Protein backbone atom coordinates (compact mmCIF):
# COMPACT_ATOMS: atom_id res chain seq x y z
CA MET A 1 53.62 -64.16 -129.55
CA LEU A 2 53.87 -66.41 -132.49
CA PHE A 3 50.63 -66.05 -135.36
CA MET A 4 50.20 -68.37 -138.19
CA ASN A 5 49.89 -67.58 -141.41
CA HIS A 6 46.54 -67.13 -142.38
CA SER A 7 46.80 -68.51 -146.05
CA GLN A 8 48.66 -71.82 -144.09
CA THR A 9 45.04 -72.24 -141.83
CA PRO A 10 44.49 -75.75 -141.88
CA ALA A 11 41.08 -77.11 -142.33
CA LEU A 12 40.21 -77.51 -139.03
CA ARG A 13 36.91 -75.38 -139.63
CA GLN A 14 35.76 -77.80 -142.20
CA LEU A 15 36.90 -80.64 -140.50
CA ARG A 16 34.64 -79.77 -137.28
CA ARG A 17 31.80 -79.16 -139.34
CA SER A 18 31.59 -82.10 -141.57
CA ALA A 19 31.77 -84.22 -137.91
CA GLY A 20 28.97 -81.88 -137.48
CA LEU A 21 30.46 -80.42 -133.83
CA THR A 22 30.12 -77.10 -132.66
CA GLN A 23 32.88 -74.69 -131.46
CA ASP A 24 31.58 -75.50 -128.04
CA ASP A 25 31.53 -79.33 -128.57
CA VAL A 26 35.34 -79.09 -129.72
CA ALA A 27 36.31 -76.58 -126.56
CA ARG A 28 34.75 -79.16 -124.46
CA ILE A 29 36.92 -81.90 -125.69
CA LEU A 30 40.36 -79.78 -125.29
CA GLY A 31 38.94 -78.80 -122.11
CA VAL A 32 39.31 -75.19 -122.67
CA GLY A 33 36.66 -72.61 -120.95
CA GLY A 34 34.87 -71.45 -124.05
CA ARG A 35 34.69 -71.53 -127.90
CA SER A 36 36.82 -68.00 -128.74
CA TYR A 37 40.09 -70.38 -128.24
CA VAL A 38 38.58 -72.81 -131.03
CA ALA A 39 37.65 -69.99 -133.12
CA MET A 40 41.00 -68.66 -132.93
CA LEU A 41 42.50 -71.70 -133.85
CA GLU A 42 40.19 -71.68 -136.99
CA SER A 43 41.16 -68.78 -138.51
CA GLY A 44 44.98 -68.94 -137.73
CA ASP A 45 45.15 -66.53 -134.60
CA ARG A 46 46.44 -68.54 -132.27
CA VAL A 47 48.97 -71.16 -132.16
CA PRO A 48 47.87 -74.72 -130.45
CA HIS A 49 49.51 -75.79 -127.22
CA VAL A 50 50.66 -79.02 -127.95
CA ARG A 51 48.15 -80.69 -125.92
CA ASP A 52 45.92 -78.98 -128.39
CA ALA A 53 47.06 -80.05 -131.39
CA VAL A 54 47.61 -83.73 -130.12
CA LEU A 55 43.79 -84.03 -129.19
CA LEU A 56 42.52 -82.14 -132.00
CA SER A 57 44.71 -84.86 -134.36
CA MET A 58 43.18 -87.82 -132.15
CA LEU A 59 39.49 -86.14 -132.20
CA PHE A 60 39.99 -85.69 -135.92
CA GLY A 61 42.14 -88.76 -137.40
CA THR A 62 44.76 -86.81 -138.61
CA LYS A 63 48.51 -85.59 -137.89
CA GLU A 64 49.25 -82.71 -136.06
CA ALA A 65 51.18 -81.85 -139.24
CA GLU A 66 48.20 -81.35 -141.31
CA LEU A 67 46.19 -79.82 -138.90
CA PHE A 68 48.99 -77.00 -138.37
CA PRO A 69 51.14 -76.92 -141.27
CA HIS A 70 52.56 -73.63 -140.87
CA LEU A 71 53.42 -74.10 -137.17
CA TYR A 72 55.06 -77.46 -138.23
CA SER A 73 56.99 -76.30 -140.73
CA ILE A 74 58.56 -73.63 -138.49
CA THR A 75 58.99 -75.89 -136.05
CA LYS A 76 60.53 -78.47 -138.62
CA GLU A 77 63.30 -75.62 -139.38
CA ARG A 78 64.45 -74.79 -136.12
CA PHE A 79 64.78 -78.82 -135.49
CA ARG A 80 66.99 -78.72 -138.41
CA SER A 81 69.02 -75.86 -137.16
CA ASN A 82 69.29 -77.06 -133.93
CA MET A 83 70.09 -80.61 -134.85
CA THR A 84 73.03 -79.20 -137.73
CA PHE A 85 74.77 -77.21 -135.23
CA ALA A 86 74.59 -79.91 -132.52
CA LEU A 87 76.32 -82.21 -135.00
CA LYS A 88 78.89 -79.74 -136.31
CA GLU A 89 79.50 -79.27 -132.32
CA ALA A 90 80.24 -83.30 -131.69
CA MET A 91 81.98 -83.67 -134.60
CA ALA A 92 84.23 -80.47 -133.63
CA GLU A 93 85.05 -82.58 -130.42
CA ARG A 94 88.53 -84.13 -130.31
CA GLN A 95 87.52 -87.35 -130.10
CA PRO A 96 83.39 -87.81 -130.63
CA GLU A 97 81.82 -90.85 -129.61
CA PRO A 98 80.59 -92.33 -132.75
CA GLU A 99 77.53 -93.90 -131.43
CA ARG A 100 76.45 -90.09 -130.59
CA LEU A 101 77.72 -88.88 -133.81
CA SER A 102 75.51 -91.67 -135.71
CA PHE A 103 72.44 -90.79 -133.53
CA LEU A 104 72.84 -87.08 -134.10
CA ARG A 105 72.81 -87.92 -138.15
CA ASN A 106 69.82 -90.13 -138.35
CA ALA A 107 67.89 -87.68 -135.90
CA LEU A 108 68.90 -84.96 -138.61
CA THR A 109 68.40 -87.39 -141.50
CA SER A 110 64.73 -87.92 -140.17
CA VAL A 111 63.24 -85.01 -141.19
CA GLU A 112 62.63 -84.30 -144.34
CA LEU A 113 65.34 -82.03 -145.64
CA ASP A 114 64.12 -80.30 -148.66
CA GLY A 115 67.43 -80.07 -149.60
CA ASN A 116 68.87 -77.37 -147.29
CA VAL A 117 71.24 -79.54 -145.67
CA THR A 118 72.80 -83.16 -145.92
CA PRO A 119 74.32 -84.93 -142.63
CA GLU A 120 76.98 -85.87 -145.27
CA ALA A 121 77.56 -82.36 -146.04
CA LEU A 122 78.80 -81.85 -142.51
């Protein structure tokens, strides 16, 4: 199981407390059995289900990437890697569809590349 890095855990606990909510309140909003799941999310010992990340972002009016930056970061890196591979494979085809190549390039460009790979280099 993937665990979040404690040094990169979000301010979920701070947001909850500043809203005056208990862990039980948040557990009810998420539709989970008890506060232990919320405590694990707050401590970084548990990776949230995507549904819960969306619900929490709605609850606190913030983006999922801000609530769970480490999870977002590793997911973004996987997206980059998979998209780069898909684009290279498509470009290696004999007659790749221009619309498909354009879509793949645009999807890859849509994420922040942090200087790792540029679509033009492919």
